[in-house]
Amino acid sequence: MKLESLQQITAALNAAGARFLVVGGLAVVAHGYGRSTMDMDLVVDFSPRNLSAVFSALARLGYRPVPPVDPLALADPSVRKRWIEEKGMRVLPLQSEAHWETPIDIFIDEPFSFEREYKHALQERLPGGEPIRFVRVETLIAMKQGAGRHQDLADVAELKLSIEEGGGRNGS
């Protein structure tokens, strides 16, 4: 993951008026546990207008879905359900030759109420001043507990420890 790419991605999404929340490893870091991560995990508003803004902004940075599917199909809940059930997809991976060190994964389900989380998100600024929203720590912990992978459970333990020590950060 490159900071410059993260800044460009965030700036492009913000300029397009896209509604997105950062989850995963970057959100873990934002909430006080310093660890490395290899990608940018996003949950987005699935409205057709927002999906168009998200994928147009990312396409301008060279990002393309892998596998090659129509990302605007995410607006249709039945398509998302089919991708989950038939293909075992949980995220839509995006890659860019220009930003090859910063792949993006966009969740294809809604693991929480997007509206509620967006309203109460942890809002920060990247170096350089670009605003960015991270999912609340309680929601992040629930997502990671649900995933159940070794790294996710280690993140949960560190996030809980950070909260107990008063170092955790949260949205409103």
N, C-alpha and C. Protein backbone atom coordinates (compact mmCIF):
# COMPACT_ATOMS: atom_id res chain seq x y z
N MET A 1 0.86 -1.17 0.00
CA MET A 1 0.00 0.00 0.00
C MET A 1 0.90 1.23 0.00
N LYS A 2 0.58 2.14 -0.88
CA LYS A 2 1.34 3.39 -0.96
C LYS A 2 0.47 4.56 -0.51
N LEU A 3 1.04 5.41 0.35
CA LEU A 3 0.31 6.57 0.85
C LEU A 3 -0.12 7.47 -0.29
N GLU A 4 0.74 7.68 -1.27
CA GLU A 4 0.39 8.53 -2.41
C GLU A 4 -0.83 8.00 -3.15
N SER A 5 -0.89 6.68 -3.33
CA SER A 5 -2.06 6.08 -3.99
C SER A 5 -3.30 6.26 -3.13
N LEU A 6 -3.18 6.03 -1.83
CA LEU A 6 -4.31 6.22 -0.92
C LEU A 6 -4.83 7.65 -1.01
N GLN A 7 -3.93 8.61 -1.06
CA GLN A 7 -4.33 10.01 -1.18
C GLN A 7 -5.05 10.27 -2.50
N GLN A 8 -4.52 9.72 -3.59
CA GLN A 8 -5.14 9.93 -4.91
C GLN A 8 -6.51 9.25 -4.99
N ILE A 9 -6.62 8.06 -4.45
CA ILE A 9 -7.90 7.35 -4.46
C ILE A 9 -8.95 8.14 -3.68
N THR A 10 -8.57 8.56 -2.49
CA THR A 10 -9.51 9.30 -1.64
C THR A 10 -9.89 10.62 -2.28
N ALA A 11 -8.92 11.33 -2.85
CA ALA A 11 -9.21 12.61 -3.52
C ALA A 11 -10.16 12.40 -4.70
N ALA A 12 -9.93 11.35 -5.49
CA ALA A 12 -10.78 11.08 -6.65
C ALA A 12 -12.21 10.75 -6.21
N LEU A 13 -12.34 9.91 -5.19
CA LEU A 13 -13.68 9.56 -4.69
C LEU A 13 -14.39 10.78 -4.11
N ASN A 14 -13.68 11.58 -3.34
CA ASN A 14 -14.28 12.79 -2.77
C ASN A 14 -14.68 13.78 -3.85
N ALA A 15 -13.82 13.97 -4.85
CA ALA A 15 -14.13 14.91 -5.94
C ALA A 15 -15.37 14.47 -6.72
N ALA A 16 -15.59 13.15 -6.80
CA ALA A 16 -16.76 12.62 -7.51
C ALA A 16 -18.02 12.66 -6.64
N GLY A 17 -17.87 13.04 -5.38
CA GLY A 17 -19.02 13.05 -4.47
C GLY A 17 -19.43 11.66 -4.03
N ALA A 18 -18.51 10.70 -4.11
CA ALA A 18 -18.82 9.32 -3.76
C ALA A 18 -18.97 9.15 -2.25
N ARG A 19 -19.91 8.30 -1.89
CA ARG A 19 -20.13 7.98 -0.47
C ARG A 19 -19.53 6.60 -0.22
N PHE A 20 -18.49 6.58 0.63
CA PHE A 20 -17.78 5.35 0.91
C PHE A 20 -17.26 5.38 2.34
N LEU A 21 -17.04 4.20 2.89
CA LEU A 21 -16.45 4.04 4.21
C LEU A 21 -15.28 3.08 4.11
N VAL A 22 -14.20 3.41 4.79
CA VAL A 22 -13.04 2.53 4.83
C VAL A 22 -13.23 1.54 5.98
N VAL A 23 -13.03 0.27 5.67
CA VAL A 23 -13.10 -0.81 6.66
C VAL A 23 -11.78 -1.57 6.57
N GLY A 24 -11.67 -2.71 7.21
CA GLY A 24 -10.48 -3.54 7.08
C GLY A 24 -9.26 -2.97 7.79
N GLY A 25 -8.09 -3.33 7.28
CA GLY A 25 -6.83 -2.97 7.92
C GLY A 25 -6.60 -1.49 8.09
N LEU A 26 -6.98 -0.69 7.09
CA LEU A 26 -6.80 0.77 7.24
C LEU A 26 -7.66 1.31 8.36
N ALA A 27 -8.85 0.78 8.53
CA ALA A 27 -9.72 1.21 9.63
C ALA A 27 -9.13 0.79 10.97
N VAL A 28 -8.51 -0.39 11.01
CA VAL A 28 -7.85 -0.84 12.24
C VAL A 28 -6.77 0.17 12.63
N VAL A 29 -5.98 0.59 11.67
CA VAL A 29 -4.92 1.58 11.92
C VAL A 29 -5.53 2.90 12.39
N ALA A 30 -6.60 3.34 11.73
CA ALA A 30 -7.25 4.60 12.10
C ALA A 30 -7.77 4.57 13.53
N HIS A 31 -8.12 3.37 14.00
CA HIS A 31 -8.65 3.24 15.36
C HIS A 31 -7.57 2.93 16.39
N GLY A 32 -6.32 3.08 16.01
CA GLY A 32 -5.26 3.06 17.01
C GLY A 32 -4.35 1.87 17.07
N TYR A 33 -4.51 0.88 16.19
CA TYR A 33 -3.61 -0.27 16.20
C TYR A 33 -2.73 -0.20 14.96
N GLY A 34 -1.46 0.11 15.16
CA GLY A 34 -0.54 0.28 14.05
C GLY A 34 -0.08 -1.04 13.47
N ARG A 35 -0.66 -1.42 12.37
CA ARG A 35 -0.22 -2.61 11.65
C ARG A 35 -0.23 -2.30 10.16
N SER A 36 0.43 -3.13 9.40
CA SER A 36 0.47 -2.88 7.96
C SER A 36 -0.73 -3.56 7.29
N THR A 37 -1.06 -3.05 6.13
CA THR A 37 -2.13 -3.65 5.33
C THR A 37 -1.74 -3.51 3.86
N MET A 38 -2.22 -4.41 3.07
CA MET A 38 -1.83 -4.44 1.67
C MET A 38 -2.87 -3.84 0.73
N ASP A 39 -4.09 -3.61 1.22
CA ASP A 39 -5.13 -3.14 0.32
C ASP A 39 -6.02 -2.12 1.03
N MET A 40 -6.95 -1.58 0.26
CA MET A 40 -7.93 -0.63 0.78
C MET A 40 -9.29 -1.30 0.66
N ASP A 41 -9.94 -1.55 1.80
CA ASP A 41 -11.25 -2.20 1.82
C ASP A 41 -12.32 -1.13 1.99
N LEU A 42 -13.33 -1.17 1.11
CA LEU A 42 -14.39 -0.16 1.13
C LEU A 42 -15.77 -0.79 1.18
N VAL A 43 -16.66 -0.11 1.88
CA VAL A 43 -18.09 -0.36 1.80
C VAL A 43 -18.68 0.90 1.20
N VAL A 44 -19.50 0.74 0.17
CA VAL A 44 -20.04 1.90 -0.54
C VAL A 44 -21.56 1.89 -0.49
N ASP A 45 -22.13 3.06 -0.69
CA ASP A 45 -23.57 3.22 -0.88
C ASP A 45 -23.89 2.59 -2.24
N PHE A 46 -24.84 1.64 -2.27
CA PHE A 46 -25.14 0.90 -3.49
C PHE A 46 -26.12 1.60 -4.43
N SER A 47 -26.45 2.85 -4.20
CA SER A 47 -27.35 3.54 -5.13
C SER A 47 -26.67 3.64 -6.50
N PRO A 48 -27.45 3.56 -7.59
CA PRO A 48 -26.84 3.64 -8.92
C PRO A 48 -25.99 4.89 -9.11
N ARG A 49 -26.47 6.01 -8.62
CA ARG A 49 -25.72 7.27 -8.78
C ARG A 49 -24.37 7.19 -8.07
N ASN A 50 -24.37 6.65 -6.84
CA ASN A 50 -23.11 6.56 -6.10
C ASN A 50 -22.16 5.55 -6.73
N LEU A 51 -22.70 4.40 -7.15
CA LEU A 51 -21.84 3.41 -7.80
C LEU A 51 -21.19 3.98 -9.05
N SER A 52 -21.94 4.75 -9.81
CA SER A 52 -21.38 5.39 -10.99
C SER A 52 -20.25 6.34 -10.59
N ALA A 53 -20.46 7.12 -9.54
CA ALA A 53 -19.42 8.04 -9.07
C ALA A 53 -18.18 7.28 -8.60
N VAL A 54 -18.38 6.21 -7.83
CA VAL A 54 -17.26 5.42 -7.31
C VAL A 54 -16.44 4.83 -8.44
N PHE A 55 -17.10 4.11 -9.35
CA PHE A 55 -16.36 3.39 -10.37
C PHE A 55 -15.81 4.30 -11.46
N SER A 56 -16.46 5.42 -11.73
CA SER A 56 -15.90 6.40 -12.67
C SER A 56 -14.63 7.02 -12.09
N ALA A 57 -14.69 7.39 -10.81
CA ALA A 57 -13.51 7.98 -10.16
C ALA A 57 -12.35 6.99 -10.15
N LEU A 58 -12.63 5.75 -9.80
CA LEU A 58 -11.56 4.75 -9.75
C LEU A 58 -11.04 4.40 -11.13
N ALA A 59 -11.92 4.38 -12.14
CA ALA A 59 -11.49 4.10 -13.51
C ALA A 59 -10.51 5.17 -14.00
N ARG A 60 -10.71 6.41 -13.59
CA ARG A 60 -9.79 7.48 -13.98
C ARG A 60 -8.39 7.25 -13.42
N LEU A 61 -8.29 6.46 -12.36
CA LEU A 61 -6.99 6.10 -11.78
C LEU A 61 -6.50 4.76 -12.32
N GLY A 62 -7.23 4.21 -13.28
CA GLY A 62 -6.82 2.95 -13.90
C GLY A 62 -7.36 1.70 -13.23
N TYR A 63 -8.22 1.84 -12.25
CA TYR A 63 -8.76 0.67 -11.54
C TYR A 63 -9.82 -0.03 -12.38
N ARG A 64 -9.69 -1.36 -12.42
CA ARG A 64 -10.63 -2.21 -13.15
C ARG A 64 -11.00 -3.40 -12.26
N PRO A 65 -12.25 -3.88 -12.36
CA PRO A 65 -12.64 -5.05 -11.57
C PRO A 65 -11.93 -6.32 -12.06
N VAL A 66 -11.57 -7.16 -11.11
CA VAL A 66 -11.00 -8.48 -11.39
C VAL A 66 -11.82 -9.47 -10.58
N PRO A 67 -12.62 -10.32 -11.18
CA PRO A 67 -12.79 -10.57 -12.60
C PRO A 67 -13.54 -9.44 -13.30
N PRO A 68 -13.42 -9.39 -14.64
CA PRO A 68 -14.06 -8.30 -15.37
C PRO A 68 -15.58 -8.45 -15.39
N VAL A 69 -16.24 -7.74 -14.51
CA VAL A 69 -17.70 -7.73 -14.43
C VAL A 69 -18.15 -6.28 -14.51
N ASP A 70 -19.43 -6.09 -14.74
CA ASP A 70 -19.97 -4.73 -14.75
C ASP A 70 -20.17 -4.29 -13.31
N PRO A 71 -19.34 -3.38 -12.80
CA PRO A 71 -19.46 -2.99 -11.40
C PRO A 71 -20.77 -2.28 -11.08
N LEU A 72 -21.40 -1.68 -12.09
CA LEU A 72 -22.67 -1.00 -11.83
C LEU A 72 -23.80 -1.99 -11.54
N ALA A 73 -23.56 -3.27 -11.84
CA ALA A 73 -24.54 -4.31 -11.51
C ALA A 73 -24.71 -4.45 -10.00
N LEU A 74 -23.76 -3.92 -9.23
CA LEU A 74 -23.87 -3.97 -7.77
C LEU A 74 -25.10 -3.23 -7.25
N ALA A 75 -25.68 -2.37 -8.07
CA ALA A 75 -26.89 -1.65 -7.66
C ALA A 75 -28.08 -2.60 -7.51
N ASP A 76 -28.01 -3.75 -8.14
CA ASP A 76 -29.10 -4.72 -8.11
C ASP A 76 -28.86 -5.75 -7.00
N PRO A 77 -29.67 -5.74 -5.94
CA PRO A 77 -29.46 -6.69 -4.84
C PRO A 77 -29.49 -8.15 -5.28
N SER A 78 -30.28 -8.48 -6.31
CA SER A 78 -30.34 -9.87 -6.77
C SER A 78 -29.02 -10.29 -7.42
N VAL A 79 -28.36 -9.37 -8.11
CA VAL A 79 -27.05 -9.66 -8.70
C VAL A 79 -26.03 -9.89 -7.59
N ARG A 80 -26.02 -9.02 -6.59
CA ARG A 80 -25.09 -9.19 -5.47
C ARG A 80 -25.32 -10.54 -4.79
N LYS A 81 -26.58 -10.89 -4.57
CA LYS A 81 -26.91 -12.16 -3.92
C LYS A 81 -26.41 -13.33 -4.77
N ARG A 82 -26.62 -13.25 -6.08
CA ARG A 82 -26.17 -14.32 -6.98
C ARG A 82 -24.64 -14.46 -6.94
N TRP A 83 -23.93 -13.33 -6.98
CA TRP A 83 -22.46 -13.37 -6.93
C TRP A 83 -21.98 -14.01 -5.63
N ILE A 84 -22.66 -13.72 -4.54
CA ILE A 84 -22.29 -14.29 -3.24
C ILE A 84 -22.56 -15.79 -3.24
N GLU A 85 -23.76 -16.18 -3.66
CA GLU A 85 -24.17 -17.58 -3.59
C GLU A 85 -23.49 -18.45 -4.64
N GLU A 86 -23.38 -17.98 -5.88
CA GLU A 86 -22.86 -18.81 -6.96
C GLU A 86 -21.35 -18.72 -7.13
N LYS A 87 -20.79 -17.56 -6.85
CA LYS A 87 -19.37 -17.36 -7.08
C LYS A 87 -18.56 -17.31 -5.78
N GLY A 88 -19.28 -17.28 -4.64
CA GLY A 88 -18.59 -17.20 -3.36
C GLY A 88 -17.91 -15.86 -3.12
N MET A 89 -18.36 -14.84 -3.84
CA MET A 89 -17.73 -13.52 -3.72
C MET A 89 -18.18 -12.84 -2.44
N ARG A 90 -17.27 -12.16 -1.80
CA ARG A 90 -17.57 -11.29 -0.67
C ARG A 90 -17.18 -9.86 -1.01
N VAL A 91 -16.17 -9.74 -1.86
CA VAL A 91 -15.70 -8.42 -2.30
C VAL A 91 -15.48 -8.45 -3.80
N LEU A 92 -15.52 -7.26 -4.39
CA LEU A 92 -15.16 -7.10 -5.79
C LEU A 92 -13.77 -6.48 -5.80
N PRO A 93 -12.75 -7.25 -6.20
CA PRO A 93 -11.39 -6.71 -6.21
C PRO A 93 -11.17 -5.81 -7.42
N LEU A 94 -10.44 -4.74 -7.20
CA LEU A 94 -10.07 -3.80 -8.27
C LEU A 94 -8.56 -3.64 -8.26
N GLN A 95 -7.99 -3.60 -9.46
CA GLN A 95 -6.55 -3.41 -9.58
C GLN A 95 -6.27 -2.35 -10.62
N SER A 96 -5.13 -1.69 -10.45
CA SER A 96 -4.69 -0.65 -11.37
C SER A 96 -3.20 -0.84 -11.64
N GLU A 97 -2.81 -0.79 -12.90
CA GLU A 97 -1.39 -0.86 -13.21
C GLU A 97 -0.64 0.33 -12.63
N ALA A 98 -1.27 1.50 -12.64
CA ALA A 98 -0.63 2.71 -12.11
C ALA A 98 -0.51 2.67 -10.59
N HIS A 99 -1.40 1.95 -9.94
CA HIS A 99 -1.42 1.87 -8.47
C HIS A 99 -1.39 0.40 -8.03
N TRP A 100 -0.51 -0.37 -8.65
CA TRP A 100 -0.48 -1.81 -8.43
C TRP A 100 -0.20 -2.19 -6.98
N GLU A 101 0.45 -1.29 -6.22
CA GLU A 101 0.77 -1.58 -4.82
C GLU A 101 -0.41 -1.31 -3.89
N THR A 102 -1.52 -0.80 -4.45
CA THR A 102 -2.68 -0.45 -3.64
C THR A 102 -3.96 -1.01 -4.27
N PRO A 103 -4.16 -2.32 -4.16
CA PRO A 103 -5.42 -2.89 -4.65
C PRO A 103 -6.58 -2.44 -3.77
N ILE A 104 -7.77 -2.47 -4.33
CA ILE A 104 -8.99 -2.08 -3.62
C ILE A 104 -9.95 -3.26 -3.62
N ASP A 105 -10.58 -3.52 -2.47
CA ASP A 105 -11.65 -4.50 -2.37
C ASP A 105 -12.92 -3.76 -1.96
N ILE A 106 -13.98 -3.91 -2.75
CA ILE A 106 -15.26 -3.30 -2.43
C ILE A 106 -16.23 -4.41 -2.02
N PHE A 107 -16.73 -4.32 -0.80
CA PHE A 107 -17.68 -5.32 -0.31
C PHE A 107 -18.91 -5.32 -1.20
N ILE A 108 -19.39 -6.53 -1.55
CA ILE A 108 -20.57 -6.61 -2.42
C ILE A 108 -21.84 -6.86 -1.62
N ASP A 109 -21.71 -6.97 -0.31
CA ASP A 109 -22.90 -7.02 0.52
C ASP A 109 -22.88 -5.79 1.42
N GLU A 110 -23.93 -5.60 2.16
CA GLU A 110 -23.98 -4.48 3.09
C GLU A 110 -23.86 -5.06 4.49
N PRO A 111 -22.64 -5.08 5.04
CA PRO A 111 -22.43 -5.73 6.34
C PRO A 111 -22.99 -4.95 7.52
N PHE A 112 -23.55 -3.78 7.26
CA PHE A 112 -24.14 -2.93 8.29
C PHE A 112 -25.00 -1.90 7.59
N SER A 113 -25.75 -1.13 8.38
CA SER A 113 -26.55 -0.05 7.81
C SER A 113 -25.61 1.05 7.33
N PHE A 114 -25.50 1.20 6.02
CA PHE A 114 -24.56 2.19 5.48
C PHE A 114 -24.91 3.59 5.98
N GLU A 115 -26.18 3.94 5.94
CA GLU A 115 -26.59 5.29 6.34
C GLU A 115 -26.19 5.60 7.78
N ARG A 116 -26.47 4.68 8.68
CA ARG A 116 -26.12 4.90 10.09
C ARG A 116 -24.61 5.02 10.27
N GLU A 117 -23.87 4.12 9.66
CA GLU A 117 -22.41 4.15 9.81
C GLU A 117 -21.80 5.39 9.17
N TYR A 118 -22.32 5.78 8.03
CA TYR A 118 -21.80 6.97 7.35
C TYR A 118 -22.01 8.20 8.22
N LYS A 119 -23.17 8.28 8.83
CA LYS A 119 -23.50 9.43 9.68
C LYS A 119 -22.59 9.48 10.92
N HIS A 120 -22.23 8.33 11.46
CA HIS A 120 -21.47 8.28 12.72
C HIS A 120 -20.01 7.88 12.53
N ALA A 121 -19.53 7.91 11.31
CA ALA A 121 -18.18 7.45 11.01
C ALA A 121 -17.11 8.30 11.69
N LEU A 122 -15.96 7.67 11.90
CA LEU A 122 -14.76 8.39 12.34
C LEU A 122 -14.26 9.18 11.13
N GLN A 123 -14.21 10.49 11.26
CA GLN A 123 -13.76 11.33 10.15
C GLN A 123 -12.37 11.86 10.46
N GLU A 124 -11.45 11.60 9.56
CA GLU A 124 -10.06 12.01 9.70
C GLU A 124 -9.63 12.73 8.44
N ARG A 125 -8.39 13.19 8.46
CA ARG A 125 -7.78 13.77 7.26
C ARG A 125 -6.47 13.05 7.01
N LEU A 126 -6.25 12.71 5.76
CA LEU A 126 -4.99 12.09 5.37
C LEU A 126 -3.90 13.16 5.37
N PRO A 127 -2.63 12.76 5.43
CA PRO A 127 -1.57 13.75 5.23
C PRO A 127 -1.82 14.45 3.89
N GLY A 128 -1.82 15.74 3.89
CA GLY A 128 -2.18 16.50 2.70
C GLY A 128 -3.58 17.08 2.82
N GLY A 129 -4.36 16.62 3.81
CA GLY A 129 -5.63 17.25 4.12
C GLY A 129 -6.88 16.61 3.56
N GLU A 130 -6.77 15.54 2.77
CA GLU A 130 -7.97 14.93 2.17
C GLU A 130 -8.83 14.25 3.24
N PRO A 131 -10.13 14.59 3.32
CA PRO A 131 -10.99 13.94 4.32
C PRO A 131 -11.31 12.50 3.94
N ILE A 132 -11.43 11.67 4.97
CA ILE A 132 -11.72 10.25 4.78
C ILE A 132 -12.55 9.76 5.96
N ARG A 133 -13.47 8.83 5.70
CA ARG A 133 -14.34 8.28 6.75
C ARG A 133 -14.02 6.81 6.97
N PHE A 134 -13.92 6.46 8.25
CA PHE A 134 -13.68 5.09 8.67
C PHE A 134 -14.89 4.60 9.47
N VAL A 135 -15.23 3.34 9.29
CA VAL A 135 -16.33 2.74 10.04
C VAL A 135 -16.02 2.83 11.54
N ARG A 136 -17.07 2.92 12.35
CA ARG A 136 -16.89 2.99 13.81
C ARG A 136 -16.23 1.72 14.33
N VAL A 137 -15.50 1.86 15.43
CA VAL A 137 -14.73 0.74 15.97
C VAL A 137 -15.63 -0.44 16.36
N GLU A 138 -16.80 -0.18 16.92
CA GLU A 138 -17.70 -1.28 17.31
C GLU A 138 -18.12 -2.09 16.08
N THR A 139 -18.39 -1.40 15.01
CA THR A 139 -18.80 -2.06 13.78
C THR A 139 -17.63 -2.82 13.16
N LEU A 140 -16.46 -2.22 13.21
CA LEU A 140 -15.26 -2.88 12.70
C LEU A 140 -15.00 -4.18 13.47
N ILE A 141 -15.12 -4.12 14.78
CA ILE A 141 -14.92 -5.32 15.60
C ILE A 141 -15.94 -6.39 15.21
N ALA A 142 -17.20 -6.01 15.06
CA ALA A 142 -18.23 -6.99 14.67
C ALA A 142 -17.93 -7.60 13.31
N MET A 143 -17.49 -6.79 12.35
CA MET A 143 -17.15 -7.31 11.02
C MET A 143 -16.01 -8.32 11.12
N LYS A 144 -14.99 -7.98 11.88
CA LYS A 144 -13.82 -8.84 11.98
C LYS A 144 -14.13 -10.12 12.76
N GLN A 145 -14.96 -10.02 13.78
CA GLN A 145 -15.37 -11.24 14.49
C GLN A 145 -16.16 -12.15 13.56
N GLY A 146 -17.00 -11.56 12.72
CA GLY A 146 -17.78 -12.35 11.77
C GLY A 146 -16.92 -13.03 10.73
N ALA A 147 -15.84 -12.37 10.31
CA ALA A 147 -14.93 -12.97 9.32
C ALA A 147 -14.18 -14.15 9.93
N GLY A 148 -13.74 -13.99 11.18
CA GLY A 148 -13.16 -15.10 11.92
C GLY A 148 -11.78 -15.57 11.50
N ARG A 149 -11.14 -14.91 10.55
CA ARG A 149 -9.79 -15.32 10.15
C ARG A 149 -8.79 -14.94 11.25
N HIS A 150 -7.64 -15.57 11.22
CA HIS A 150 -6.62 -15.34 12.26
C HIS A 150 -6.28 -13.86 12.39
N GLN A 151 -5.99 -13.18 11.28
CA GLN A 151 -5.62 -11.77 11.34
C GLN A 151 -6.77 -10.92 11.87
N ASP A 152 -8.00 -11.26 11.46
CA ASP A 152 -9.16 -10.52 11.94
C ASP A 152 -9.32 -10.65 13.46
N LEU A 153 -9.14 -11.85 13.98
CA LEU A 153 -9.27 -12.06 15.42
C LEU A 153 -8.15 -11.38 16.18
N ALA A 154 -6.95 -11.34 15.60
CA ALA A 154 -5.85 -10.60 16.23
C ALA A 154 -6.16 -9.11 16.25
N ASP A 155 -6.74 -8.61 15.16
CA ASP A 155 -7.15 -7.20 15.11
C ASP A 155 -8.19 -6.89 16.19
N VAL A 156 -9.15 -7.79 16.37
CA VAL A 156 -10.19 -7.60 17.38
C VAL A 156 -9.56 -7.47 18.76
N ALA A 157 -8.63 -8.37 19.07
CA ALA A 157 -7.97 -8.32 20.38
C ALA A 157 -7.24 -7.00 20.58
N GLU A 158 -6.53 -6.54 19.56
CA GLU A 158 -5.79 -5.27 19.67
C GLU A 158 -6.73 -4.08 19.76
N LEU A 159 -7.81 -4.09 19.01
CA LEU A 159 -8.77 -2.99 19.07
C LEU A 159 -9.43 -2.92 20.45
N LYS A 160 -9.80 -4.06 21.00
CA LYS A 160 -10.40 -4.07 22.33
C LYS A 160 -9.41 -3.58 23.38
N LEU A 161 -8.16 -3.99 23.26
CA LEU A 161 -7.12 -3.53 24.18
C LEU A 161 -6.94 -2.03 24.07
N SER A 162 -6.94 -1.52 22.86
CA SER A 162 -6.80 -0.08 22.63
C SER A 162 -7.96 0.69 23.27
N ILE A 163 -9.16 0.15 23.17
CA ILE A 163 -10.33 0.78 23.78
C ILE A 163 -10.19 0.78 25.30
N GLU A 164 -9.79 -0.37 25.86
CA GLU A 164 -9.63 -0.48 27.31
C GLU A 164 -8.59 0.49 27.84
N GLU A 165 -7.54 0.72 27.06
CA GLU A 165 -6.47 1.62 27.48
C GLU A 165 -6.79 3.07 27.17
N GLY A 166 -7.96 3.31 26.58
CA GLY A 166 -8.37 4.68 26.28
C GLY A 166 -7.75 5.24 25.03
N GLY A 167 -7.14 4.39 24.22
CA GLY A 167 -6.48 4.88 23.01
C GLY A 167 -7.31 4.76 21.75
N GLY A 168 -8.42 4.04 21.84
CA GLY A 168 -9.26 3.87 20.66
C GLY A 168 -9.95 5.16 20.27
N ARG A 169 -10.21 5.31 18.98
CA ARG A 169 -10.90 6.50 18.48
C ARG A 169 -12.19 6.04 17.84
N ASN A 170 -13.15 6.94 17.80
CA ASN A 170 -14.43 6.55 17.23
C ASN A 170 -15.09 7.74 16.59
N GLY A 171 -16.16 7.47 15.86
CA GLY A 171 -16.95 8.54 15.27
C GLY A 171 -17.90 9.11 16.30
N SER A 172 -18.88 9.87 15.80
CA SER A 172 -19.83 10.51 16.72
C SER A 172 -20.91 9.57 17.18
